[in-house]
Protein backbone atom coordinates (compact mmCIF):
# COMPACT_ATOMS: atom_id res chain seq x y z
CA MET A 1 9.37 -22.73 17.47
CA LYS A 2 11.51 -19.65 18.05
CA LYS A 3 9.99 -19.24 21.53
CA SER A 4 10.75 -22.88 22.30
CA PHE A 5 14.36 -22.37 21.20
CA LEU A 6 14.76 -19.26 23.36
CA LYS A 7 13.13 -21.04 26.30
CA SER A 8 15.56 -23.93 25.92
CA LYS A 9 18.57 -21.58 25.83
CA LEU A 10 17.28 -19.69 28.86
CA GLU A 11 16.85 -22.93 30.81
CA VAL A 12 20.41 -24.02 29.98
CA PHE A 13 21.76 -20.59 30.96
CA SER A 14 19.81 -20.67 34.22
CA SER A 15 21.16 -24.14 34.97
CA CYS A 16 24.74 -22.94 34.42
CA ILE A 17 24.20 -19.95 36.74
CA LEU A 18 22.76 -22.23 39.42
CA LEU A 19 25.70 -24.62 39.17
CA PHE A 20 28.17 -21.73 39.43
CA ILE A 21 26.39 -20.40 42.52
CA MET A 22 26.41 -23.85 44.15
CA TRP A 23 30.09 -24.27 43.25
CA GLU A 24 31.02 -20.90 44.77
CA LEU A 25 29.04 -21.48 47.97
CA LEU A 26 30.53 -24.96 48.42
CA ALA A 27 34.06 -23.66 47.76
CA ILE A 28 33.58 -20.90 50.33
CA LYS A 29 32.22 -23.46 52.80
CA ILE A 30 35.18 -25.84 52.31
CA ASP A 31 37.65 -22.92 52.29
CA ASN A 32 40.49 -25.00 50.85
CA ASP A 33 41.68 -24.44 47.26
CA ILE A 34 43.30 -27.87 47.13
CA TYR A 35 39.90 -29.55 47.39
CA LEU A 36 37.68 -27.04 45.60
CA PRO A 37 38.84 -23.60 44.45
CA THR A 38 36.55 -20.61 44.13
CA LEU A 39 35.51 -19.31 40.73
CA GLY A 40 37.76 -16.30 41.25
CA GLU A 41 40.83 -18.50 41.75
CA VAL A 42 39.98 -20.56 38.67
CA LEU A 43 39.54 -17.44 36.53
CA LYS A 44 42.80 -16.00 37.89
CA ASN A 45 44.69 -19.17 36.95
CA LEU A 46 42.93 -19.29 33.58
CA TYR A 47 44.15 -15.78 32.83
CA GLU A 48 47.70 -16.69 33.87
CA ILE A 49 47.66 -19.88 31.78
CA ILE A 50 46.49 -18.05 28.65
CA ARG A 51 49.18 -15.42 29.12
CA GLY A 52 51.82 -18.10 29.74
CA GLU A 53 54.74 -18.58 27.38
CA TYR A 54 53.94 -22.20 26.54
CA PHE A 55 50.15 -22.01 26.36
CA LEU A 56 49.87 -22.20 22.56
CA ILE A 57 52.61 -24.85 22.40
CA ASN A 58 50.75 -27.08 24.88
CA ILE A 59 47.42 -26.60 23.08
CA SER A 60 48.89 -27.17 19.61
CA SER A 61 50.88 -30.23 20.75
CA THR A 62 47.73 -31.91 22.05
CA ALA A 63 45.71 -30.81 19.01
CA ILE A 64 48.28 -32.31 16.64
CA ARG A 65 48.28 -35.60 18.55
CA VAL A 66 44.47 -35.73 18.47
CA LEU A 67 44.17 -34.88 14.77
CA VAL A 68 46.96 -37.22 13.69
CA SER A 69 45.69 -40.16 15.76
CA PHE A 70 42.10 -39.57 14.63
CA SER A 71 43.13 -39.23 10.97
CA LEU A 72 45.20 -42.41 11.09
CA ALA A 73 42.37 -44.29 12.83
CA PHE A 74 39.96 -42.98 10.19
CA PHE A 75 42.22 -44.04 7.30
CA ILE A 76 42.90 -47.49 8.79
CA SER A 77 39.20 -48.04 9.48
CA ILE A 78 38.31 -47.15 5.87
CA VAL A 79 40.91 -49.55 4.48
CA LEU A 80 40.24 -52.45 6.85
CA GLY A 81 36.48 -51.89 6.80
CA SER A 82 36.46 -52.04 3.01
CA LEU A 83 38.61 -55.18 3.00
CA SER A 84 36.29 -56.81 5.56
CA TYR A 85 33.31 -55.94 3.36
CA ILE A 86 34.99 -57.54 0.34
CA SER A 87 36.34 -60.62 2.14
CA SER A 88 34.54 -62.48 4.93
CA SER A 89 37.82 -64.28 5.73
CA PHE A 90 39.55 -60.96 6.35
CA LYS A 91 36.57 -59.79 8.46
CA ASN A 92 36.87 -62.90 10.63
CA PHE A 93 40.61 -62.29 10.96
CA ILE A 94 40.06 -58.70 12.16
CA LYS A 95 37.12 -59.52 14.42
CA PRO A 96 39.08 -60.81 17.48
CA ILE A 97 41.56 -57.93 17.25
CA ASN A 98 38.73 -55.41 17.14
CA SER A 99 36.93 -57.16 20.02
CA ILE A 100 40.07 -57.00 22.17
CA LEU A 101 40.49 -53.28 21.51
CA GLN A 102 36.84 -52.69 22.41
CA SER A 103 36.99 -54.79 25.58
CA VAL A 104 40.29 -53.70 27.13
CA PRO A 105 39.85 -50.71 29.52
CA THR A 106 41.41 -47.48 28.29
CA MET A 107 43.76 -47.21 31.27
CA ILE A 108 45.23 -50.63 30.48
CA LEU A 109 45.85 -49.46 26.90
CA VAL A 110 47.56 -46.39 28.33
CA VAL A 111 49.84 -48.51 30.52
CA LEU A 112 50.72 -50.92 27.70
CA ALA A 113 51.37 -48.08 25.26
CA LEU A 114 53.77 -46.48 27.72
CA ILE A 115 55.57 -49.82 28.17
CA TRP A 116 55.88 -50.55 24.44
CA PHE A 117 56.45 -47.01 23.10
CA ASP A 118 58.23 -43.86 24.24
CA LYS A 119 56.32 -41.08 25.96
CA ASN A 120 55.97 -38.99 22.78
CA LYS A 121 54.49 -41.80 20.67
CA ALA A 122 52.23 -43.34 23.33
CA PRO A 123 49.40 -40.72 23.09
CA PHE A 124 49.15 -41.34 19.31
CA ILE A 125 48.89 -45.11 19.82
CA ILE A 126 46.30 -44.70 22.56
CA GLY A 127 44.16 -42.39 20.41
CA ILE A 128 44.26 -44.76 17.45
CA SER A 129 43.56 -47.86 19.56
CA VAL A 130 40.47 -46.36 21.21
CA VAL A 131 38.95 -44.60 18.18
CA PHE A 132 39.66 -47.25 15.51
CA PRO A 133 37.11 -49.90 16.67
CA ILE A 134 34.28 -47.34 16.61
CA LEU A 135 35.12 -46.06 13.13
CA TYR A 136 35.79 -49.57 11.79
CA GLU A 137 32.40 -50.87 12.92
CA SER A 138 30.70 -47.79 11.45
CA VAL A 139 32.42 -48.20 8.06
CA LEU A 140 31.66 -51.92 7.89
CA GLY A 141 28.08 -51.34 9.02
CA ALA A 142 27.57 -48.63 6.39
CA LEU A 143 28.84 -50.88 3.60
CA ASN A 144 26.77 -53.86 4.76
CA ASN A 145 23.63 -51.72 4.85
CA ILE A 146 23.86 -50.70 1.20
CA ASP A 147 20.76 -51.92 -0.63
CA LYS A 148 21.70 -55.11 -2.51
CA ASN A 149 19.30 -54.15 -5.31
CA ILE A 150 21.37 -51.04 -5.98
CA ILE A 151 24.55 -53.14 -6.18
CA GLU A 152 22.87 -55.55 -8.60
CA MET A 153 21.57 -52.68 -10.73
CA VAL A 154 24.97 -51.02 -11.14
CA ASP A 155 26.48 -54.42 -11.96
CA ILE A 156 23.90 -54.89 -14.73
CA TYR A 157 24.80 -51.52 -16.21
CA ASN A 158 28.55 -52.21 -15.82
CA LEU A 159 29.16 -49.03 -13.84
CA ARG A 160 32.86 -48.32 -13.46
CA ILE A 161 34.38 -49.19 -10.09
CA ILE A 162 35.45 -45.56 -9.58
CA ASP A 163 31.84 -44.45 -10.10
CA LYS A 164 30.59 -47.11 -7.68
CA ILE A 165 32.98 -45.81 -5.06
CA LYS A 166 32.10 -42.18 -5.76
CA TYR A 167 28.31 -42.43 -5.97
CA ILE A 168 27.47 -45.42 -3.75
CA TYR A 169 30.16 -46.41 -1.27
CA ILE A 170 31.51 -43.00 -0.24
CA PRO A 171 28.05 -41.43 0.34
CA SER A 172 26.99 -44.48 2.38
CA ILE A 173 30.08 -44.27 4.59
CA ASN A 174 29.75 -40.48 4.78
CA ILE A 175 26.16 -40.63 6.07
CA LYS A 176 27.15 -43.16 8.73
CA LEU A 177 30.32 -41.42 9.96
CA ILE A 178 29.20 -37.78 10.10
CA PRO A 179 26.85 -38.27 13.10
CA ILE A 180 29.61 -39.91 15.18
CA PHE A 181 32.37 -37.53 14.06
CA LEU A 182 32.15 -35.30 17.15
CA SER A 183 31.84 -38.10 19.69
CA THR A 184 34.86 -39.98 18.33
CA LEU A 185 36.97 -36.84 17.98
CA SER A 186 36.04 -35.78 21.53
CA LEU A 187 36.90 -39.29 22.71
CA ALA A 188 40.26 -39.04 20.97
CA LEU A 189 40.86 -35.73 22.78
CA LYS A 190 40.13 -37.31 26.17
CA VAL A 191 42.28 -40.41 25.71
CA VAL A 192 45.19 -38.46 24.20
CA ILE A 193 45.15 -36.13 27.22
CA ALA A 194 45.03 -39.20 29.48
CA GLY A 195 48.07 -40.57 27.64
CA GLU A 196 49.86 -37.24 28.11
CA ILE A 197 49.06 -37.21 31.83
CA TYR A 198 50.68 -40.59 32.38
CA GLY A 199 53.39 -40.37 29.72
CA GLN A 200 54.30 -36.71 30.27
CA PRO A 201 55.70 -35.80 26.86
CA SER A 202 57.59 -32.52 26.58
CA PHE A 203 54.46 -30.48 25.81
CA GLY A 204 50.73 -31.08 25.95
CA ILE A 205 47.62 -30.35 28.02
CA GLY A 206 47.95 -33.63 29.90
CA SER A 207 51.61 -32.99 30.70
CA ILE A 208 50.92 -29.60 32.28
CA ILE A 209 47.92 -31.00 34.20
CA GLN A 210 50.22 -33.64 35.69
CA VAL A 211 52.67 -30.91 36.74
CA GLU A 212 49.86 -28.93 38.38
CA LYS A 213 48.66 -32.09 40.14
CA THR A 214 52.15 -32.69 41.53
CA ASN A 215 52.17 -29.10 42.82
CA PHE A 216 48.63 -29.51 44.30
CA ASN A 217 47.55 -26.55 42.15
CA THR A 218 43.87 -27.51 41.89
CA PRO A 219 42.72 -24.07 40.61
CA ALA A 220 45.03 -24.47 37.60
CA ILE A 221 43.66 -27.97 36.94
CA PHE A 222 40.11 -26.57 36.93
CA ALA A 223 41.31 -23.79 34.62
CA TRP A 224 42.59 -26.40 32.18
CA ILE A 225 39.25 -28.21 32.45
CA VAL A 226 37.59 -24.96 31.37
CA ILE A 227 39.94 -24.81 28.37
CA ILE A 228 39.14 -28.42 27.44
CA VAL A 229 35.41 -27.66 27.66
CA ILE A 230 35.88 -24.65 25.36
CA ILE A 231 37.74 -26.87 22.87
CA SER A 232 34.88 -29.40 23.04
CA ILE A 233 32.35 -26.64 22.36
CA GLY A 234 34.46 -25.63 19.35
CA LEU A 235 34.32 -29.23 18.12
CA ASP A 236 30.55 -29.12 18.51
CA TYR A 237 30.33 -26.11 16.19
CA ILE A 238 32.60 -27.85 13.70
CA GLN A 239 30.31 -30.88 13.84
CA LYS A 240 27.25 -28.72 13.13
CA TYR A 241 29.01 -27.03 10.20
CA ILE A 242 30.10 -30.36 8.70
CA SER A 243 26.61 -31.82 9.15
CA LYS A 244 25.07 -28.76 7.48
CA TYR A 245 27.56 -28.91 4.60
CA ASN A 246 27.00 -32.65 4.28
CA TYR A 247 23.24 -32.14 4.08
CA LYS A 248 23.65 -29.55 1.31
CA TRP A 249 26.10 -31.87 -0.53
CA ARG A 250 23.57 -34.71 -0.43
CA ARG A 251 20.84 -32.47 -1.85
CA ILE A 252 22.92 -31.42 -4.86
């Protein structure tokens, strides 16, 4: 198994090296940084960005927007998902709203958010609008999948509502949401950055990317892509840690 793991890592590493070589050769062939910069130009811009005065402010501004919008979407989905589980009438009321949010393209949501809200609030609204339907469906699905026999058993023994929530409902929702935590958080990151690109708030990754695009500074845009990828890798490690902790918690 260890050999298989090492082989897998080596294959991924080899693939990355091959892609970098192809990138560099193609960039040299095109010989135009506006279309495709060389790796050296990207690394140079990456170094300059990290050393820049507003680097941490731009990163933290986007991170705050992502975390706040994701947290609000998570809280709203828990509340509305629970109400939909309790009341079929409420579920039917929410259903068309949720369907609209799922069906409308993200870019249309971005445009509408920028029309209805100011440039600083729009990224939050966009993040919530895109992530909420996914979390809502997961919460409602988790509650609907609880074994009815378990519910009947705890009713027979008159288990307190707080204990039902603690030992039945929360673990069920937890098991369902943990696997999609990374994908929804990564999605929130992408749509918030998209909202920043079009809305251009004072600070944020998307705002600076839009500035670089206006200046035709493609190497800097690729450098920011590298930063976003690194952030996504960090989210992946967080996901693995949470999943590992969650597994230990379920065993206790």
